[in-house]
Amino acid sequence: MIEPGPELKLVATNPLPVGREDQIWATSAVADGSLLIRSTSKLYSIGIATE
């Protein structure tokens, strides 16, 4: 994640547990405030946690 501003400032990362057997080939999508990333065997959703 980056912070808005005139210079690039990395504030967080979200590593995905993707290995040789599980690769990301699809285009990411945004839905309901979350980033959706589909791998060959999983669907990841990155967003703000809600209660």
N, C-alpha and C. Protein backbone atom coordinates (compact mmCIF):
# COMPACT_ATOMS: atom_id res chain seq x y z
N MET A 1 0.84 -1.15 0.00
CA MET A 1 0.00 0.00 0.00
C MET A 1 0.90 1.22 0.00
N ILE A 2 0.43 2.27 -0.64
CA ILE A 2 1.21 3.51 -0.69
C ILE A 2 0.39 4.64 -0.08
N GLU A 3 1.10 5.60 0.44
CA GLU A 3 0.47 6.77 1.04
C GLU A 3 0.32 7.85 -0.03
N PRO A 4 -0.84 8.50 -0.10
CA PRO A 4 -1.01 9.57 -1.09
C PRO A 4 -0.03 10.72 -0.81
N GLY A 5 0.48 11.33 -1.85
CA GLY A 5 1.38 12.45 -1.69
C GLY A 5 2.26 12.63 -2.90
N PRO A 6 3.08 13.66 -2.89
CA PRO A 6 3.93 13.95 -4.05
C PRO A 6 5.07 12.95 -4.24
N GLU A 7 5.45 12.22 -3.18
CA GLU A 7 6.52 11.22 -3.28
C GLU A 7 5.99 9.85 -2.90
N LEU A 8 6.54 8.83 -3.52
CA LEU A 8 6.12 7.45 -3.25
C LEU A 8 6.57 7.05 -1.85
N LYS A 9 5.60 6.64 -1.01
CA LYS A 9 5.91 6.17 0.34
C LYS A 9 5.15 4.87 0.57
N LEU A 10 5.88 3.76 0.66
CA LEU A 10 5.30 2.45 0.90
C LEU A 10 4.98 2.33 2.39
N VAL A 11 3.72 2.05 2.73
CA VAL A 11 3.32 1.97 4.14
C VAL A 11 2.96 0.55 4.59
N ALA A 12 2.67 -0.36 3.65
CA ALA A 12 2.35 -1.74 4.02
C ALA A 12 2.47 -2.63 2.80
N THR A 13 2.66 -3.92 3.04
CA THR A 13 2.69 -4.90 1.96
C THR A 13 1.73 -6.03 2.32
N ASN A 14 1.26 -6.72 1.31
CA ASN A 14 0.36 -7.86 1.49
C ASN A 14 0.91 -9.04 0.69
N PRO A 15 1.86 -9.78 1.27
CA PRO A 15 2.41 -10.92 0.52
C PRO A 15 1.37 -12.02 0.35
N LEU A 16 1.36 -12.64 -0.80
CA LEU A 16 0.45 -13.74 -1.08
C LEU A 16 1.24 -15.04 -1.10
N PRO A 17 0.70 -16.09 -0.50
CA PRO A 17 1.41 -17.38 -0.45
C PRO A 17 1.27 -18.15 -1.76
N VAL A 18 1.85 -17.62 -2.81
CA VAL A 18 1.75 -18.24 -4.13
C VAL A 18 3.08 -18.92 -4.46
N GLY A 19 3.00 -20.19 -4.84
CA GLY A 19 4.21 -20.94 -5.17
C GLY A 19 4.18 -21.41 -6.60
N ARG A 20 5.02 -22.38 -6.90
CA ARG A 20 5.10 -22.90 -8.27
C ARG A 20 3.80 -23.55 -8.73
N GLU A 21 3.10 -24.23 -7.81
CA GLU A 21 1.87 -24.92 -8.17
C GLU A 21 0.70 -23.97 -8.29
N ASP A 22 0.79 -22.81 -7.67
CA ASP A 22 -0.32 -21.86 -7.60
C ASP A 22 0.15 -20.53 -8.17
N GLN A 23 -0.30 -20.20 -9.37
CA GLN A 23 0.15 -18.98 -10.03
C GLN A 23 -1.01 -18.04 -10.31
N ILE A 24 -0.70 -16.76 -10.44
CA ILE A 24 -1.71 -15.75 -10.75
C ILE A 24 -1.63 -15.43 -12.23
N TRP A 25 -2.71 -15.74 -12.96
CA TRP A 25 -2.78 -15.48 -14.39
C TRP A 25 -3.87 -14.47 -14.74
N ALA A 26 -4.84 -14.30 -13.85
CA ALA A 26 -6.00 -13.45 -14.13
C ALA A 26 -5.73 -11.99 -13.77
N THR A 27 -6.48 -11.10 -14.39
CA THR A 27 -6.43 -9.68 -14.06
C THR A 27 -7.14 -9.44 -12.73
N SER A 28 -6.56 -8.61 -11.88
CA SER A 28 -7.19 -8.27 -10.60
C SER A 28 -8.45 -7.45 -10.85
N ALA A 29 -9.35 -7.45 -9.87
CA ALA A 29 -10.59 -6.69 -9.98
C ALA A 29 -10.87 -6.00 -8.65
N VAL A 30 -11.66 -4.94 -8.70
CA VAL A 30 -12.08 -4.22 -7.49
C VAL A 30 -13.59 -4.39 -7.35
N ALA A 31 -14.05 -4.76 -6.15
CA ALA A 31 -15.47 -4.91 -5.88
C ALA A 31 -15.75 -4.59 -4.42
N ASP A 32 -16.71 -3.74 -4.17
CA ASP A 32 -17.12 -3.38 -2.81
C ASP A 32 -15.95 -2.95 -1.93
N GLY A 33 -15.01 -2.21 -2.49
CA GLY A 33 -13.88 -1.70 -1.71
C GLY A 33 -12.76 -2.69 -1.46
N SER A 34 -12.81 -3.84 -2.08
CA SER A 34 -11.76 -4.85 -1.92
C SER A 34 -11.08 -5.14 -3.25
N LEU A 35 -9.82 -5.49 -3.18
CA LEU A 35 -9.07 -5.92 -4.35
C LEU A 35 -9.16 -7.44 -4.41
N LEU A 36 -9.67 -7.97 -5.52
CA LEU A 36 -9.82 -9.42 -5.69
C LEU A 36 -8.73 -9.92 -6.63
N ILE A 37 -8.02 -10.95 -6.18
CA ILE A 37 -6.93 -11.54 -6.96
C ILE A 37 -7.18 -13.04 -7.03
N ARG A 38 -7.29 -13.58 -8.24
CA ARG A 38 -7.56 -15.01 -8.42
C ARG A 38 -6.29 -15.71 -8.88
N SER A 39 -5.94 -16.77 -8.16
CA SER A 39 -4.82 -17.62 -8.58
C SER A 39 -5.42 -18.87 -9.22
N THR A 40 -4.58 -19.82 -9.56
CA THR A 40 -5.07 -21.05 -10.18
C THR A 40 -5.86 -21.91 -9.22
N SER A 41 -5.75 -21.66 -7.90
CA SER A 41 -6.51 -22.48 -6.95
C SER A 41 -7.22 -21.70 -5.84
N LYS A 42 -6.99 -20.39 -5.75
CA LYS A 42 -7.56 -19.60 -4.65
C LYS A 42 -8.06 -18.25 -5.14
N LEU A 43 -8.93 -17.63 -4.33
CA LEU A 43 -9.38 -16.26 -4.56
C LEU A 43 -9.01 -15.46 -3.33
N TYR A 44 -8.20 -14.41 -3.51
CA TYR A 44 -7.77 -13.55 -2.41
C TYR A 44 -8.57 -12.26 -2.45
N SER A 45 -8.94 -11.76 -1.27
CA SER A 45 -9.63 -10.49 -1.15
C SER A 45 -8.84 -9.62 -0.18
N ILE A 46 -8.37 -8.47 -0.67
CA ILE A 46 -7.59 -7.55 0.16
C ILE A 46 -8.41 -6.29 0.33
N GLY A 47 -8.73 -5.96 1.57
CA GLY A 47 -9.53 -4.78 1.84
C GLY A 47 -9.46 -4.41 3.31
N ILE A 48 -10.25 -3.44 3.69
CA ILE A 48 -10.29 -3.01 5.08
C ILE A 48 -11.19 -3.96 5.85
N ALA A 49 -10.70 -4.44 6.99
CA ALA A 49 -11.48 -5.36 7.81
C ALA A 49 -12.68 -4.63 8.39
N THR A 50 -13.81 -5.30 8.38
CA THR A 50 -15.04 -4.75 8.96
C THR A 50 -15.46 -5.59 10.14
N GLU A 51 -16.20 -4.98 11.03
CA GLU A 51 -16.64 -5.71 12.23
C GLU A 51 -17.98 -6.34 12.01
